[in-house]
Amino acid sequence: MARILIVEDEKKIARFLELELVHEGYEVLTAFDGRSGLETALEQDPDLLILDLMLPELSGIEVCRRLRHTSDVPIIMLTAKDDVSDKVMGLDMGADDYVTKPFAIEELLARIRVAMKKRRVRDEAPEKPAEVLSCGPVTLELDSWQAKVKGEPVALTKKEFDTLKYLMEHEGKAVTRDQLMNEVWGYDYIGDSNIVDVYIRYLRHKIDDTYRIKTIHTIRSVGYLFSYEEDEASE
């Protein structure tokens, strides 16, 4: 039986989630502040974490950041803030997904199933030799999640790395925002596709602007295309 930890300071919401998850066949643990949530996660090693963004003691962002030093447990963040910057911050700290309050329980349950399936597939995958993906001067070391441009390390967050990886795997082909949302975020996504544009902007700053090259091209009314050009001109 999969075990889920809910870290939510609004006890009515926590209780509602607990009842729904138990009904779905999950074992449920609860914590009502960030510090006790972090301690419970480290001690009990749950299969998935539902983590509120705004928490007493420690924020959800800080809990996520500290957990990622030692754990790859799937984390779904709950936020009452419908702000792209808050969502980006949570994802950058290592969250796998987020749901904005108020939410439909069916949507959260679907996100949980997808997150747990992805972890199961990853855990069951056989060990493979180190893989490297290269396009022009851009290199991704897939086993260590390291990015390099012209041999120099480039610090990327997990979502930035995943976004760049998907674009490079489809080098020379236009990919839509919906494709990026579905493949990088891992579920059929509706709305807020502008978060893709935010990550593209981050990648362009770290790669194209910094190294005076052109890799990520905008395909008007479609999406983006990865193709290397030694070009100092900005788009």
Protein backbone atom coordinates (compact mmCIF):
# COMPACT_ATOMS: atom_id res chain seq x y z
CA MET A 1 0.00 0.00 0.00
CA ALA A 2 1.47 3.32 -1.08
CA ARG A 3 1.97 5.86 1.69
CA ILE A 4 1.30 9.57 1.19
CA LEU A 5 2.32 12.38 3.52
CA ILE A 6 0.09 15.48 3.62
CA VAL A 7 1.73 18.64 4.95
CA GLU A 8 -1.07 21.22 5.24
CA ASP A 9 -1.73 23.69 8.04
CA GLU A 10 -5.43 24.09 7.23
CA LYS A 11 -6.73 21.11 9.17
CA LYS A 12 -10.08 20.94 7.36
CA ILE A 13 -8.27 20.61 4.02
CA ALA A 14 -5.84 18.08 5.47
CA ARG A 15 -8.71 16.01 6.85
CA PHE A 16 -10.61 16.16 3.56
CA LEU A 17 -7.54 14.99 1.66
CA GLU A 18 -6.88 12.25 4.19
CA LEU A 19 -10.41 10.84 3.85
CA GLU A 20 -10.28 10.92 0.05
CA LEU A 21 -6.87 9.28 -0.12
CA VAL A 22 -7.78 6.57 2.37
CA HIS A 23 -10.89 5.89 0.30
CA GLU A 24 -8.61 5.46 -2.74
CA GLY A 25 -6.57 2.86 -0.88
CA TYR A 26 -3.57 4.91 0.25
CA GLU A 27 -2.02 4.94 3.70
CA VAL A 28 -1.91 8.55 4.89
CA LEU A 29 0.35 10.51 7.23
CA THR A 30 -0.33 14.15 8.14
CA ALA A 31 1.65 17.09 9.46
CA PHE A 32 0.44 20.64 10.08
CA ASP A 33 3.62 22.71 9.83
CA GLY A 34 6.74 22.69 7.72
CA ARG A 35 9.19 21.56 10.38
CA SER A 36 7.20 18.53 11.52
CA GLY A 37 6.41 17.75 7.87
CA LEU A 38 10.11 17.67 7.02
CA GLU A 39 10.89 15.48 10.03
CA THR A 40 8.08 13.07 9.16
CA ALA A 41 9.19 12.85 5.54
CA LEU A 42 12.77 12.04 6.54
CA GLU A 43 11.75 9.52 9.20
CA GLN A 44 8.86 7.75 7.45
CA ASP A 45 10.06 7.81 3.81
CA PRO A 46 6.62 8.20 2.19
CA ASP A 47 5.96 7.30 -1.45
CA LEU A 48 4.62 10.77 -2.24
CA LEU A 49 4.34 14.15 -0.54
CA ILE A 50 1.47 16.64 -0.84
CA LEU A 51 3.03 19.88 0.34
CA ASP A 52 1.32 23.22 0.94
CA LEU A 53 3.31 26.27 -0.13
CA MET A 54 2.39 28.53 2.80
CA LEU A 55 3.23 26.78 6.08
CA PRO A 56 4.23 27.85 9.60
CA GLU A 57 7.70 27.01 10.95
CA LEU A 58 9.15 26.26 7.50
CA SER A 59 7.64 27.21 4.15
CA GLY A 60 6.78 24.54 1.61
CA ILE A 61 9.57 25.87 -0.60
CA GLU A 62 12.12 25.39 2.18
CA VAL A 63 10.81 21.91 3.03
CA CYS A 64 11.13 20.95 -0.62
CA ARG A 65 14.63 22.39 -0.88
CA ARG A 66 15.88 20.51 2.19
CA LEU A 67 14.25 17.24 1.17
CA ARG A 68 15.93 17.30 -2.20
CA HIS A 69 19.34 17.04 -0.53
CA THR A 70 18.57 13.45 0.47
CA SER A 71 15.30 12.31 -1.13
CA ASP A 72 13.75 12.02 -4.59
CA VAL A 73 10.23 11.42 -3.24
CA PRO A 74 7.60 12.81 -5.66
CA ILE A 75 6.32 16.18 -4.37
CA ILE A 76 3.06 17.82 -5.40
CA MET A 77 2.79 21.37 -4.11
CA LEU A 78 -0.49 23.02 -3.15
CA THR A 79 -0.65 26.77 -3.56
CA ALA A 80 -3.36 29.35 -3.11
CA LYS A 81 -1.33 31.73 -5.23
CA ASP A 82 -2.14 31.57 -8.92
CA ASP A 83 1.17 33.22 -9.75
CA VAL A 84 3.63 31.81 -12.27
CA SER A 85 6.62 32.96 -10.19
CA ASP A 86 5.45 30.91 -7.18
CA LYS A 87 4.98 27.83 -9.34
CA VAL A 88 8.37 28.27 -10.98
CA MET A 89 10.01 28.65 -7.58
CA GLY A 90 8.44 25.42 -6.33
CA LEU A 91 9.47 23.51 -9.44
CA ASP A 92 12.99 24.92 -9.27
CA MET A 93 13.31 23.70 -5.68
CA GLY A 94 12.53 20.18 -6.89
CA ALA A 95 8.75 19.82 -6.77
CA ASP A 96 7.39 17.48 -9.44
CA ASP A 97 4.02 19.15 -9.87
CA TYR A 98 1.68 21.73 -8.37
CA VAL A 99 -2.06 22.23 -7.91
CA THR A 100 -3.66 25.62 -7.32
CA LYS A 101 -6.34 25.97 -4.64
CA PRO A 102 -9.25 25.54 -4.95
CA PHE A 103 -8.84 22.29 -6.85
CA ALA A 104 -10.98 19.33 -7.88
CA ILE A 105 -10.03 16.20 -5.94
CA GLU A 106 -10.23 14.21 -9.19
CA GLU A 107 -7.47 16.38 -10.65
CA LEU A 108 -5.23 15.90 -7.61
CA LEU A 109 -5.80 12.14 -7.66
CA ALA A 110 -4.82 12.06 -11.34
CA ARG A 111 -1.64 14.01 -10.61
CA ILE A 112 -0.81 11.58 -7.80
CA ARG A 113 -1.23 8.57 -10.08
CA VAL A 114 1.01 10.11 -12.74
CA ALA A 115 3.73 11.07 -10.25
CA MET A 116 3.78 7.63 -8.66
CA LYS A 117 3.79 5.88 -12.02
CA LYS A 118 6.77 7.95 -13.16
CA ARG A 119 8.69 7.03 -10.02
CA ARG A 120 7.79 3.35 -10.40
CA VAL A 121 8.97 3.30 -14.00
CA ARG A 122 12.19 5.05 -13.01
CA ASP A 123 12.87 2.69 -10.10
CA GLU A 124 12.22 -0.39 -12.23
CA ALA A 125 14.35 0.76 -15.14
CA PRO A 126 17.55 -1.31 -15.58
CA GLU A 127 20.91 0.35 -15.03
CA LYS A 128 22.21 1.87 -18.25
CA PRO A 129 25.63 3.15 -19.22
CA ALA A 130 26.22 6.87 -18.93
CA GLU A 131 24.44 8.78 -21.66
CA VAL A 132 25.46 12.04 -23.25
CA LEU A 133 23.28 14.19 -25.50
CA SER A 134 25.11 16.75 -27.66
CA CYS A 135 23.99 19.35 -30.14
CA GLY A 136 26.67 21.76 -31.31
CA PRO A 137 28.50 23.09 -28.23
CA VAL A 138 25.67 22.10 -25.88
CA THR A 139 26.14 18.84 -23.99
CA LEU A 140 23.89 17.14 -21.45
CA GLU A 141 25.25 14.35 -19.26
CA LEU A 142 22.01 12.53 -18.59
CA ASP A 143 23.18 10.28 -15.77
CA SER A 144 24.54 13.14 -13.67
CA TRP A 145 22.12 15.86 -14.84
CA GLN A 146 25.00 18.11 -15.84
CA ALA A 147 24.81 20.66 -18.64
CA LYS A 148 27.80 22.16 -20.44
CA VAL A 149 28.21 24.74 -23.18
CA LYS A 150 31.57 24.89 -24.95
CA GLY A 151 32.90 22.65 -22.20
CA GLU A 152 31.86 24.98 -19.39
CA PRO A 153 29.33 23.80 -16.75
CA VAL A 154 25.97 25.60 -16.80
CA ALA A 155 23.82 25.51 -13.67
CA LEU A 156 20.29 24.44 -14.61
CA THR A 157 17.34 23.60 -12.41
CA LYS A 158 15.66 20.23 -12.91
CA LYS A 159 12.83 21.66 -15.02
CA GLU A 160 15.26 23.71 -17.08
CA PHE A 161 17.34 20.59 -17.70
CA ASP A 162 14.28 18.52 -18.62
CA THR A 163 12.99 21.23 -20.95
CA LEU A 164 16.35 21.54 -22.70
CA LYS A 165 16.69 17.76 -22.93
CA TYR A 166 13.32 17.42 -24.65
CA LEU A 167 14.16 20.17 -27.14
CA MET A 168 17.55 18.61 -27.91
CA GLU A 169 16.03 15.16 -28.35
CA HIS A 170 13.87 16.75 -31.06
CA GLU A 171 16.65 18.78 -32.65
CA GLY A 172 15.53 20.41 -35.87
CA LYS A 173 11.85 19.72 -35.18
CA ALA A 174 9.28 22.20 -33.93
CA VAL A 175 7.68 21.21 -30.62
CA THR A 176 4.54 22.82 -29.26
CA ARG A 177 3.99 24.24 -25.81
CA ASP A 178 1.47 21.46 -25.19
CA GLN A 179 4.10 18.84 -26.05
CA LEU A 180 6.53 20.38 -23.59
CA MET A 181 3.87 20.54 -20.86
CA ASN A 182 2.81 16.94 -21.41
CA GLU A 183 6.30 15.47 -21.69
CA VAL A 184 8.28 17.58 -19.24
CA TRP A 185 5.55 18.05 -16.64
CA GLY A 186 4.11 14.60 -17.28
CA TYR A 187 0.36 15.13 -17.58
CA ASP A 188 -2.26 16.55 -19.94
CA TYR A 189 -2.08 20.19 -18.98
CA ILE A 190 -4.75 22.84 -19.48
CA GLY A 191 -3.98 26.52 -18.96
CA ASP A 192 -0.90 28.40 -17.76
CA SER A 193 1.12 27.31 -20.80
CA ASN A 194 3.01 30.59 -20.37
CA ILE A 195 5.12 28.81 -17.75
CA VAL A 196 6.83 27.13 -20.73
CA ASP A 197 7.75 30.58 -22.05
CA VAL A 198 9.23 31.44 -18.65
CA TYR A 199 11.56 28.42 -18.78
CA ILE A 200 12.49 29.10 -22.40
CA ARG A 201 13.45 32.63 -21.36
CA TYR A 202 15.62 31.26 -18.55
CA LEU A 203 17.36 28.84 -20.92
CA ARG A 204 18.00 31.51 -23.52
CA HIS A 205 19.57 33.75 -20.90
CA LYS A 206 21.82 31.00 -19.54
CA ILE A 207 22.83 29.55 -22.91
CA ASP A 208 22.17 31.74 -25.94
CA ASP A 209 22.79 35.14 -24.37
CA THR A 210 25.72 34.07 -22.21
CA TYR A 211 27.61 32.18 -24.93
CA ARG A 212 26.52 34.37 -27.87
CA ILE A 213 25.02 31.48 -29.79
CA LYS A 214 21.56 30.66 -31.09
CA THR A 215 19.93 27.39 -30.09
CA ILE A 216 16.28 27.91 -29.14
CA HIS A 217 14.18 29.37 -31.93
CA THR A 218 10.58 30.55 -31.71
CA ILE A 219 8.27 29.09 -34.34
CA ARG A 220 5.41 31.55 -34.53
CA SER A 221 1.98 30.09 -33.66
CA VAL A 222 3.59 26.68 -33.05
CA GLY A 223 6.21 26.61 -30.29
CA TYR A 224 9.98 26.20 -30.25
CA LEU A 225 12.76 24.49 -32.17
CA PHE A 226 16.29 23.59 -31.09
CA SER A 227 18.93 24.12 -33.77
CA TYR A 228 22.47 25.34 -33.19
CA GLU A 229 23.72 28.46 -34.93
CA GLU A 230 26.81 30.54 -34.18
CA ASP A 231 24.84 33.77 -34.23
CA GLU A 232 25.26 36.80 -32.01
CA ALA A 233 21.97 38.37 -33.06
CA SER A 234 19.11 38.07 -30.61
CA GLU A 235 15.68 36.99 -31.69
